[in-house]
N, C-alpha and C. Protein backbone atom coordinates (compact mmCIF):
# COMPACT_ATOMS: atom_id res chain seq x y z
N MET A 1 -49.09 -9.64 -7.87
CA MET A 1 -50.47 -10.03 -8.01
C MET A 1 -51.12 -9.29 -9.17
N ILE A 2 -50.89 -7.93 -9.25
CA ILE A 2 -51.45 -7.14 -10.33
C ILE A 2 -50.86 -7.59 -11.63
N ARG A 3 -49.58 -7.94 -11.59
CA ARG A 3 -48.89 -8.43 -12.81
C ARG A 3 -49.58 -9.78 -13.30
N THR A 4 -49.89 -10.66 -12.39
CA THR A 4 -50.53 -11.94 -12.77
C THR A 4 -51.90 -11.67 -13.38
N LEU A 5 -52.68 -10.78 -12.83
CA LEU A 5 -54.04 -10.43 -13.37
C LEU A 5 -53.92 -9.87 -14.71
N VAL A 6 -52.89 -8.99 -14.93
CA VAL A 6 -52.80 -8.39 -16.24
C VAL A 6 -52.42 -9.45 -17.27
N ARG A 7 -51.47 -10.36 -16.89
CA ARG A 7 -51.10 -11.44 -17.82
C ARG A 7 -52.33 -12.33 -18.11
N ARG A 8 -53.10 -12.69 -17.15
CA ARG A 8 -54.24 -13.52 -17.30
C ARG A 8 -55.29 -12.84 -18.18
N SER A 9 -55.53 -11.56 -17.99
CA SER A 9 -56.48 -10.86 -18.80
C SER A 9 -56.05 -10.73 -20.24
N ARG A 10 -54.73 -10.62 -20.48
CA ARG A 10 -54.25 -10.60 -21.82
C ARG A 10 -54.46 -11.99 -22.55
N VAL A 11 -54.22 -13.06 -21.78
CA VAL A 11 -54.48 -14.35 -22.31
C VAL A 11 -55.97 -14.56 -22.58
N ARG A 12 -56.81 -14.14 -21.66
CA ARG A 12 -58.23 -14.24 -21.92
C ARG A 12 -58.70 -13.38 -23.08
N ARG A 13 -58.15 -12.19 -23.19
CA ARG A 13 -58.54 -11.34 -24.34
C ARG A 13 -58.08 -12.00 -25.63
N ARG A 14 -56.87 -12.54 -25.68
CA ARG A 14 -56.45 -13.24 -26.87
C ARG A 14 -57.36 -14.38 -27.19
N ALA A 15 -57.73 -15.18 -26.18
CA ALA A 15 -58.63 -16.28 -26.43
C ALA A 15 -59.99 -15.81 -26.93
N LEU A 16 -60.46 -14.65 -26.35
CA LEU A 16 -61.72 -14.15 -26.84
C LEU A 16 -61.59 -13.69 -28.26
N VAL A 17 -60.51 -13.09 -28.63
CA VAL A 17 -60.34 -12.60 -30.01
C VAL A 17 -60.22 -13.73 -30.99
N VAL A 18 -59.47 -14.73 -30.64
CA VAL A 18 -59.35 -15.93 -31.44
C VAL A 18 -60.72 -16.57 -31.58
N GLY A 19 -61.42 -16.75 -30.49
CA GLY A 19 -62.75 -17.43 -30.55
C GLY A 19 -63.71 -16.57 -31.40
N ALA A 20 -63.68 -15.28 -31.25
CA ALA A 20 -64.58 -14.42 -32.05
C ALA A 20 -64.22 -14.52 -33.53
N ALA A 21 -62.94 -14.62 -33.86
CA ALA A 21 -62.53 -14.72 -35.24
C ALA A 21 -62.96 -16.14 -35.85
N LEU A 22 -62.82 -17.15 -35.05
CA LEU A 22 -63.24 -18.46 -35.46
C LEU A 22 -64.78 -18.49 -35.68
N LEU A 23 -65.52 -17.92 -34.77
CA LEU A 23 -66.96 -17.83 -34.87
C LEU A 23 -67.32 -17.00 -36.17
N ALA A 24 -66.66 -15.95 -36.40
CA ALA A 24 -66.98 -15.16 -37.59
C ALA A 24 -66.75 -15.92 -38.87
N THR A 25 -65.80 -16.80 -38.90
CA THR A 25 -65.56 -17.58 -40.13
C THR A 25 -66.58 -18.76 -40.26
N LEU A 26 -66.99 -19.31 -39.12
CA LEU A 26 -67.98 -20.41 -39.18
C LEU A 26 -69.41 -19.96 -39.37
N ALA A 27 -69.77 -18.78 -38.88
CA ALA A 27 -71.14 -18.32 -38.88
C ALA A 27 -71.79 -18.36 -40.26
N PRO A 28 -71.11 -17.87 -41.34
CA PRO A 28 -71.73 -17.92 -42.64
C PRO A 28 -71.97 -19.33 -43.11
N ALA A 29 -71.11 -20.27 -42.79
CA ALA A 29 -71.33 -21.61 -43.15
C ALA A 29 -72.49 -22.28 -42.39
N ILE A 30 -72.60 -21.93 -41.16
CA ILE A 30 -73.74 -22.46 -40.31
C ILE A 30 -75.05 -21.90 -40.80
N THR A 31 -75.13 -20.61 -41.13
CA THR A 31 -76.40 -19.94 -41.42
C THR A 31 -76.64 -19.95 -42.98
N ALA A 32 -75.78 -20.49 -43.73
CA ALA A 32 -75.98 -20.51 -45.23
C ALA A 32 -77.18 -21.32 -45.54
N GLU A 33 -77.93 -20.81 -46.50
CA GLU A 33 -79.15 -21.45 -46.98
C GLU A 33 -78.82 -22.27 -48.25
N ALA A 34 -79.76 -23.03 -48.68
CA ALA A 34 -79.57 -23.74 -49.96
C ALA A 34 -79.38 -22.79 -51.05
N ALA A 35 -78.74 -23.33 -52.18
CA ALA A 35 -78.41 -22.48 -53.30
C ALA A 35 -79.72 -21.93 -53.88
N PRO A 36 -79.73 -20.67 -54.41
CA PRO A 36 -80.92 -20.13 -54.98
C PRO A 36 -81.31 -20.95 -56.22
N PRO A 37 -82.62 -21.01 -56.50
CA PRO A 37 -83.08 -21.75 -57.64
C PRO A 37 -82.41 -21.37 -58.93
N SER A 38 -82.28 -22.27 -59.84
CA SER A 38 -81.63 -22.01 -61.09
C SER A 38 -82.69 -21.62 -62.14
N ASP A 39 -82.29 -21.16 -63.25
CA ASP A 39 -83.25 -20.88 -64.37
C ASP A 39 -83.22 -22.08 -65.24
N SER A 40 -83.87 -23.19 -64.80
CA SER A 40 -83.92 -24.43 -65.55
C SER A 40 -85.38 -24.80 -65.75
N ASP A 41 -85.61 -25.53 -66.79
CA ASP A 41 -86.97 -25.93 -67.16
C ASP A 41 -86.98 -27.42 -67.34
N LEU A 42 -87.57 -28.16 -66.42
CA LEU A 42 -87.67 -29.57 -66.50
C LEU A 42 -88.93 -29.99 -67.19
N ALA A 43 -88.81 -30.93 -68.18
CA ALA A 43 -89.92 -31.30 -68.97
C ALA A 43 -90.06 -32.82 -68.99
N VAL A 44 -91.24 -33.38 -68.87
CA VAL A 44 -91.46 -34.78 -69.03
C VAL A 44 -91.55 -35.12 -70.51
N VAL A 45 -90.81 -36.12 -70.89
CA VAL A 45 -90.78 -36.58 -72.29
C VAL A 45 -91.70 -37.80 -72.31
N ARG A 46 -92.66 -37.73 -73.20
CA ARG A 46 -93.69 -38.81 -73.32
C ARG A 46 -93.11 -39.96 -74.06
N ILE A 47 -93.24 -41.14 -73.43
CA ILE A 47 -92.89 -42.37 -74.12
C ILE A 47 -93.75 -43.46 -73.50
N ASP A 48 -94.45 -44.19 -74.36
CA ASP A 48 -95.38 -45.22 -73.91
C ASP A 48 -94.62 -46.55 -73.67
N PRO A 49 -94.97 -47.28 -72.61
CA PRO A 49 -94.34 -48.60 -72.38
C PRO A 49 -94.74 -49.58 -73.50
N ASP A 50 -93.99 -50.65 -73.60
CA ASP A 50 -94.30 -51.76 -74.53
C ASP A 50 -95.64 -52.35 -74.10
N ALA A 51 -96.38 -52.83 -75.12
CA ALA A 51 -97.63 -53.52 -74.88
C ALA A 51 -97.44 -54.73 -74.01
N ALA A 52 -98.44 -55.17 -73.29
CA ALA A 52 -98.34 -56.38 -72.39
C ALA A 52 -99.74 -57.08 -72.38
N PRO A 53 -99.75 -58.33 -72.12
CA PRO A 53 -101.04 -59.11 -71.90
C PRO A 53 -101.52 -58.98 -70.50
N PRO A 54 -102.76 -59.32 -70.32
CA PRO A 54 -103.25 -59.38 -68.89
C PRO A 54 -102.33 -60.29 -68.07
N GLY A 55 -101.97 -59.87 -66.92
CA GLY A 55 -101.05 -60.64 -66.02
C GLY A 55 -99.58 -60.48 -66.41
N GLY A 56 -99.32 -59.75 -67.46
CA GLY A 56 -97.92 -59.59 -68.01
C GLY A 56 -97.23 -58.42 -67.39
N ASN A 57 -95.92 -58.28 -67.76
CA ASN A 57 -95.07 -57.20 -67.32
C ASN A 57 -94.70 -56.26 -68.47
N THR A 58 -94.40 -55.03 -68.06
CA THR A 58 -93.80 -54.05 -68.99
C THR A 58 -93.07 -53.06 -68.12
N THR A 59 -92.43 -52.05 -68.70
CA THR A 59 -91.66 -51.08 -67.92
C THR A 59 -92.04 -49.69 -68.35
N VAL A 60 -92.29 -48.87 -67.38
CA VAL A 60 -92.57 -47.39 -67.54
C VAL A 60 -91.20 -46.73 -67.53
N HIS A 61 -90.87 -45.91 -68.49
CA HIS A 61 -89.66 -45.11 -68.54
C HIS A 61 -90.09 -43.66 -68.34
N ALA A 62 -89.79 -43.09 -67.19
CA ALA A 62 -90.11 -41.78 -66.88
C ALA A 62 -88.87 -40.89 -67.23
N ILE A 63 -88.92 -40.24 -68.40
CA ILE A 63 -87.75 -39.45 -68.86
C ILE A 63 -88.04 -38.00 -68.61
N ILE A 64 -87.06 -37.36 -67.95
CA ILE A 64 -87.05 -35.96 -67.62
C ILE A 64 -85.93 -35.28 -68.37
N ASN A 65 -86.28 -34.22 -69.07
CA ASN A 65 -85.28 -33.41 -69.82
C ASN A 65 -85.13 -32.01 -69.16
N ASN A 66 -83.85 -31.57 -69.01
CA ASN A 66 -83.65 -30.18 -68.58
C ASN A 66 -83.52 -29.36 -69.85
N VAL A 67 -84.57 -28.60 -70.16
CA VAL A 67 -84.59 -27.73 -71.35
C VAL A 67 -83.65 -26.58 -71.16
N GLY A 68 -83.25 -26.26 -69.96
CA GLY A 68 -82.29 -25.15 -69.64
C GLY A 68 -82.95 -23.83 -69.39
N PRO A 69 -82.18 -22.81 -69.47
CA PRO A 69 -80.83 -22.71 -69.90
C PRO A 69 -79.76 -23.01 -68.94
N GLU A 70 -80.11 -23.26 -67.65
CA GLU A 70 -79.13 -23.50 -66.65
C GLU A 70 -79.20 -24.93 -66.07
N ARG A 71 -78.07 -25.30 -65.40
CA ARG A 71 -78.01 -26.58 -64.68
C ARG A 71 -78.99 -26.47 -63.48
N THR A 72 -79.62 -27.53 -63.04
CA THR A 72 -80.55 -27.50 -61.92
C THR A 72 -79.72 -27.22 -60.62
N ALA A 73 -80.27 -26.35 -59.80
CA ALA A 73 -79.62 -26.06 -58.54
C ALA A 73 -80.33 -26.79 -57.40
N SER A 74 -81.43 -27.38 -57.62
CA SER A 74 -82.19 -28.07 -56.54
C SER A 74 -82.48 -29.54 -56.94
N GLU A 75 -82.68 -30.35 -55.94
CA GLU A 75 -83.13 -31.73 -56.29
C GLU A 75 -84.52 -31.67 -56.89
N PHE A 76 -84.93 -32.71 -57.61
CA PHE A 76 -86.32 -32.70 -58.15
C PHE A 76 -86.87 -34.11 -58.01
N THR A 77 -88.21 -34.15 -58.01
CA THR A 77 -88.91 -35.39 -57.75
C THR A 77 -89.73 -35.79 -58.94
N VAL A 78 -89.65 -37.04 -59.27
CA VAL A 78 -90.37 -37.61 -60.38
C VAL A 78 -91.43 -38.55 -59.74
N THR A 79 -92.74 -38.46 -60.13
CA THR A 79 -93.73 -39.34 -59.61
C THR A 79 -94.44 -39.96 -60.80
N VAL A 80 -94.51 -41.27 -60.74
CA VAL A 80 -95.20 -42.05 -61.73
C VAL A 80 -96.49 -42.60 -61.11
N THR A 81 -97.64 -42.26 -61.68
CA THR A 81 -98.92 -42.71 -61.20
C THR A 81 -99.42 -43.75 -62.21
N LEU A 82 -99.60 -44.99 -61.69
CA LEU A 82 -100.02 -46.05 -62.57
C LEU A 82 -101.53 -46.15 -62.80
N PRO A 83 -102.01 -46.73 -63.85
CA PRO A 83 -103.46 -46.87 -64.07
C PRO A 83 -103.95 -47.89 -63.08
N ASP A 84 -105.31 -47.96 -62.90
CA ASP A 84 -105.98 -48.97 -62.16
C ASP A 84 -105.60 -50.31 -62.74
N ARG A 85 -105.45 -51.32 -61.84
CA ARG A 85 -105.09 -52.71 -62.25
C ARG A 85 -103.74 -52.88 -62.73
N VAL A 86 -102.82 -51.94 -62.37
CA VAL A 86 -101.42 -52.01 -62.72
C VAL A 86 -100.66 -51.67 -61.46
N THR A 87 -99.72 -52.54 -61.03
CA THR A 87 -98.95 -52.30 -59.86
C THR A 87 -97.42 -52.28 -60.19
N ALA A 88 -96.68 -51.52 -59.42
CA ALA A 88 -95.22 -51.44 -59.57
C ALA A 88 -94.55 -52.73 -58.99
N GLU A 89 -93.47 -53.13 -59.65
CA GLU A 89 -92.68 -54.28 -59.09
C GLU A 89 -91.20 -53.93 -59.10
N GLU A 90 -90.63 -54.05 -57.95
CA GLU A 90 -89.14 -53.74 -57.92
C GLU A 90 -88.38 -54.80 -58.70
N PRO A 91 -87.14 -54.47 -59.05
CA PRO A 91 -86.34 -53.34 -58.71
C PRO A 91 -86.61 -52.11 -59.56
N PHE A 92 -86.53 -50.97 -58.89
CA PHE A 92 -86.67 -49.65 -59.54
C PHE A 92 -85.32 -49.10 -59.91
N PHE A 93 -85.25 -48.18 -60.82
CA PHE A 93 -84.10 -47.40 -61.01
C PHE A 93 -84.46 -45.93 -61.07
N PRO A 94 -83.81 -45.10 -60.26
CA PRO A 94 -82.77 -45.39 -59.39
C PRO A 94 -83.32 -46.23 -58.19
N GLU A 95 -82.37 -46.84 -57.52
CA GLU A 95 -82.73 -47.77 -56.39
C GLU A 95 -83.51 -47.11 -55.28
N ASP A 96 -83.30 -45.83 -55.04
CA ASP A 96 -83.91 -45.20 -53.86
C ASP A 96 -85.34 -44.70 -54.18
N CYS A 97 -85.99 -45.15 -55.28
CA CYS A 97 -87.41 -44.80 -55.54
C CYS A 97 -88.26 -45.41 -54.47
N ASP A 98 -89.26 -44.76 -54.11
CA ASP A 98 -90.22 -45.24 -53.07
C ASP A 98 -91.58 -45.57 -53.69
N GLU A 99 -92.09 -46.71 -53.24
CA GLU A 99 -93.44 -47.02 -53.66
C GLU A 99 -94.47 -46.45 -52.68
N ILE A 100 -95.42 -45.72 -53.24
CA ILE A 100 -96.38 -45.09 -52.33
C ILE A 100 -97.76 -45.37 -52.96
N GLY A 101 -98.85 -45.21 -52.24
CA GLY A 101 -100.16 -45.36 -52.75
C GLY A 101 -100.51 -46.78 -53.10
N ASN A 102 -100.15 -47.76 -52.22
CA ASN A 102 -100.54 -49.15 -52.48
C ASN A 102 -99.97 -49.73 -53.77
N GLY A 103 -98.79 -49.32 -54.14
CA GLY A 103 -98.16 -49.86 -55.35
C GLY A 103 -98.60 -49.17 -56.67
N ARG A 104 -99.45 -48.15 -56.54
CA ARG A 104 -99.88 -47.49 -57.77
C ARG A 104 -99.13 -46.19 -58.04
N ARG A 105 -98.25 -45.79 -57.12
CA ARG A 105 -97.41 -44.62 -57.37
C ARG A 105 -95.98 -44.89 -56.92
N VAL A 106 -95.09 -44.41 -57.70
CA VAL A 106 -93.67 -44.51 -57.36
C VAL A 106 -93.05 -43.14 -57.48
N ARG A 107 -92.27 -42.77 -56.40
CA ARG A 107 -91.67 -41.43 -56.34
C ARG A 107 -90.12 -41.60 -56.28
N CYS A 108 -89.50 -40.90 -57.20
CA CYS A 108 -88.02 -40.97 -57.31
C CYS A 108 -87.45 -39.51 -57.15
N THR A 109 -86.35 -39.35 -56.32
CA THR A 109 -85.74 -38.09 -56.20
C THR A 109 -84.43 -38.10 -56.80
N PHE A 110 -84.14 -37.02 -57.56
CA PHE A 110 -82.85 -36.86 -58.30
C PHE A 110 -82.08 -35.67 -57.70
N PRO A 111 -80.75 -35.79 -57.60
CA PRO A 111 -79.98 -34.73 -57.02
C PRO A 111 -79.94 -33.46 -57.92
N ALA A 112 -79.55 -32.34 -57.34
CA ALA A 112 -79.27 -31.13 -58.12
C ALA A 112 -78.09 -31.31 -59.01
N GLY A 113 -78.01 -30.51 -60.05
CA GLY A 113 -76.81 -30.56 -60.88
C GLY A 113 -77.00 -31.09 -62.25
N MET A 114 -78.26 -31.39 -62.67
CA MET A 114 -78.41 -31.90 -64.07
C MET A 114 -78.20 -30.74 -65.00
N PRO A 115 -77.23 -30.93 -65.99
CA PRO A 115 -76.94 -29.89 -66.92
C PRO A 115 -78.08 -29.66 -67.88
N ALA A 116 -78.10 -28.46 -68.47
CA ALA A 116 -79.10 -28.15 -69.48
C ALA A 116 -78.84 -29.05 -70.68
N ASP A 117 -79.95 -29.40 -71.35
CA ASP A 117 -79.94 -30.28 -72.51
C ASP A 117 -79.55 -31.69 -72.23
N ARG A 118 -79.76 -32.11 -70.96
CA ARG A 118 -79.55 -33.51 -70.60
C ARG A 118 -80.86 -34.04 -70.04
N SER A 119 -80.87 -35.40 -69.86
CA SER A 119 -82.03 -36.02 -69.31
C SER A 119 -81.65 -37.10 -68.37
N VAL A 120 -82.67 -37.49 -67.50
CA VAL A 120 -82.51 -38.62 -66.62
C VAL A 120 -83.71 -39.51 -66.91
N THR A 121 -83.59 -40.81 -66.51
CA THR A 121 -84.72 -41.69 -66.60
C THR A 121 -84.89 -42.51 -65.39
N ALA A 122 -86.11 -42.59 -64.94
CA ALA A 122 -86.54 -43.54 -63.82
C ALA A 122 -87.22 -44.67 -64.58
N THR A 123 -86.81 -45.90 -64.23
CA THR A 123 -87.47 -47.07 -64.80
C THR A 123 -88.25 -47.81 -63.73
N ILE A 124 -89.50 -48.08 -64.02
CA ILE A 124 -90.38 -48.66 -63.09
C ILE A 124 -91.08 -49.87 -63.77
N PRO A 125 -90.56 -51.11 -63.42
CA PRO A 125 -91.29 -52.29 -63.88
C PRO A 125 -92.70 -52.43 -63.26
N VAL A 126 -93.64 -52.80 -64.15
CA VAL A 126 -95.01 -52.92 -63.67
C VAL A 126 -95.62 -54.26 -64.14
N ARG A 127 -96.69 -54.65 -63.38
CA ARG A 127 -97.41 -55.88 -63.79
C ARG A 127 -98.87 -55.50 -63.92
N LEU A 128 -99.45 -55.98 -64.98
CA LEU A 128 -100.90 -55.81 -65.23
C LEU A 128 -101.68 -56.91 -64.53
N ALA A 129 -102.82 -56.58 -63.99
CA ALA A 129 -103.68 -57.56 -63.30
C ALA A 129 -104.19 -58.54 -64.37
N ILE A 130 -104.40 -59.78 -63.97
CA ILE A 130 -104.89 -60.80 -64.89
C ILE A 130 -106.30 -60.48 -65.33
N THR A 131 -107.02 -59.60 -64.58
CA THR A 131 -108.36 -59.23 -64.96
C THR A 131 -108.55 -58.09 -65.93
N VAL A 132 -107.43 -57.55 -66.44
CA VAL A 132 -107.49 -56.47 -67.40
C VAL A 132 -107.98 -57.04 -68.70
N PRO A 133 -109.01 -56.47 -69.31
CA PRO A 133 -109.49 -56.98 -70.60
C PRO A 133 -108.51 -56.70 -71.73
N ALA A 134 -108.41 -57.57 -72.71
CA ALA A 134 -107.60 -57.37 -73.92
C ALA A 134 -108.50 -57.49 -75.09
N PRO A 135 -108.42 -56.69 -76.04
CA PRO A 135 -107.50 -55.53 -76.12
C PRO A 135 -108.13 -54.29 -75.31
N SER A 136 -107.28 -53.54 -74.77
CA SER A 136 -107.75 -52.30 -74.15
C SER A 136 -106.46 -51.38 -73.95
N THR A 137 -106.72 -50.16 -73.49
CA THR A 137 -105.69 -49.14 -73.29
C THR A 137 -105.83 -48.67 -71.86
N LEU A 138 -104.70 -48.62 -71.12
CA LEU A 138 -104.65 -48.14 -69.78
C LEU A 138 -103.81 -46.85 -69.76
N THR A 139 -104.26 -45.83 -69.00
CA THR A 139 -103.53 -44.54 -69.04
C THR A 139 -102.98 -44.19 -67.62
N GLY A 140 -101.75 -43.88 -67.55
CA GLY A 140 -101.09 -43.43 -66.32
C GLY A 140 -100.46 -41.98 -66.58
N ARG A 141 -99.63 -41.59 -65.59
CA ARG A 141 -99.12 -40.25 -65.69
C ARG A 141 -97.70 -40.18 -65.06
N VAL A 142 -96.84 -39.34 -65.65
CA VAL A 142 -95.51 -39.04 -65.15
C VAL A 142 -95.50 -37.55 -64.93
N GLU A 143 -94.98 -37.16 -63.66
CA GLU A 143 -94.85 -35.71 -63.42
C GLU A 143 -93.56 -35.43 -62.70
N VAL A 144 -93.03 -34.23 -62.91
CA VAL A 144 -91.82 -33.77 -62.21
C VAL A 144 -92.08 -32.48 -61.43
N ARG A 145 -91.43 -32.36 -60.27
CA ARG A 145 -91.59 -31.16 -59.46
C ARG A 145 -90.19 -30.70 -58.98
N SER A 146 -90.04 -29.36 -59.13
CA SER A 146 -88.78 -28.83 -58.70
C SER A 146 -88.93 -27.35 -58.30
N PRO A 147 -88.28 -26.87 -57.30
CA PRO A 147 -88.39 -25.45 -57.02
C PRO A 147 -87.70 -24.58 -58.10
N ASP A 148 -86.83 -25.20 -58.88
CA ASP A 148 -86.18 -24.44 -59.98
C ASP A 148 -87.10 -24.19 -61.17
N ASP A 149 -88.06 -25.07 -61.37
CA ASP A 149 -88.84 -25.10 -62.60
C ASP A 149 -89.91 -23.99 -62.64
N LYS A 150 -89.71 -23.09 -63.56
CA LYS A 150 -90.69 -21.92 -63.68
C LYS A 150 -91.83 -22.18 -64.71
N ASN A 151 -91.56 -23.14 -65.61
CA ASN A 151 -92.55 -23.45 -66.66
C ASN A 151 -93.22 -24.79 -66.27
N LYS A 152 -94.46 -24.63 -65.68
CA LYS A 152 -95.14 -25.83 -65.19
C LYS A 152 -95.96 -26.49 -66.36
N ALA A 153 -95.98 -25.93 -67.54
CA ALA A 153 -96.90 -26.40 -68.59
C ALA A 153 -96.36 -27.78 -69.16
N ASN A 154 -95.08 -28.03 -68.98
CA ASN A 154 -94.50 -29.30 -69.51
C ASN A 154 -94.08 -30.28 -68.40
N ASP A 155 -94.62 -30.08 -67.18
CA ASP A 155 -94.22 -30.90 -66.09
C ASP A 155 -94.97 -32.22 -65.93
N GLU A 156 -95.97 -32.49 -66.68
CA GLU A 156 -96.78 -33.72 -66.67
C GLU A 156 -97.03 -34.25 -68.05
N GLN A 157 -97.04 -35.56 -68.20
CA GLN A 157 -97.43 -36.20 -69.44
C GLN A 157 -98.11 -37.56 -69.13
N PRO A 158 -99.11 -37.88 -69.84
CA PRO A 158 -99.74 -39.16 -69.74
C PRO A 158 -98.84 -40.25 -70.49
N PHE A 159 -99.07 -41.52 -70.13
CA PHE A 159 -98.50 -42.63 -70.94
C PHE A 159 -99.63 -43.67 -71.05
N LYS A 160 -99.54 -44.44 -72.07
CA LYS A 160 -100.63 -45.46 -72.41
C LYS A 160 -99.98 -46.81 -72.48
N ILE A 161 -100.60 -47.77 -71.82
CA ILE A 161 -100.24 -49.15 -71.92
C ILE A 161 -101.26 -49.89 -72.71
N GLN A 162 -100.84 -50.40 -73.89
CA GLN A 162 -101.75 -51.20 -74.73
C GLN A 162 -101.82 -52.62 -74.18
N VAL A 163 -102.98 -53.11 -73.84
CA VAL A 163 -103.19 -54.44 -73.30
C VAL A 163 -103.57 -55.31 -74.54
N VAL A 164 -102.70 -56.36 -74.70
CA VAL A 164 -102.94 -57.22 -75.92
C VAL A 164 -103.22 -58.65 -75.48
N GLU A 165 -103.72 -59.45 -76.41
CA GLU A 165 -104.01 -60.83 -76.15
C GLU A 165 -102.67 -61.57 -75.92
N ALA A 166 -102.70 -62.49 -74.95
CA ALA A 166 -101.50 -63.28 -74.73
C ALA A 166 -101.19 -64.14 -75.90
N THR A 167 -99.87 -64.28 -76.27
CA THR A 167 -99.52 -65.10 -77.41
C THR A 167 -98.84 -66.40 -76.98
């Protein structure tokens, strides 16, 4: 009987040791946090959409450049705010962009890992209301947000849509 107890306790001890070793290897993976922010600087590059007539279409190109010096370690969000009397029309690129604010704002999320000196572009097709006077100029905004970005001075840029007479 004592021999059986000793054998069982050895088996249990081994199981405990193996379990503890397994837990010790998994614990860092379970408690690991997101990668620390990189030293990257995301900047909005200003580019105005092509001119359009009242009721017409054009496309907003939201270009984001990683000025560097490092690759982004976190995902980042690009938000396009459209002028009054302009609404977004799908399809967007990238496809997972979300329309918010009654069609006047579009938010796109990009994954971590954009190298320094590279850029990404979100393309947002838009339609001008038929009531927009021509000629006129409408102003919207592109902004980028990221926990990596330490230089907020270049995170927003306006864009202008020139409204022209229909031809």
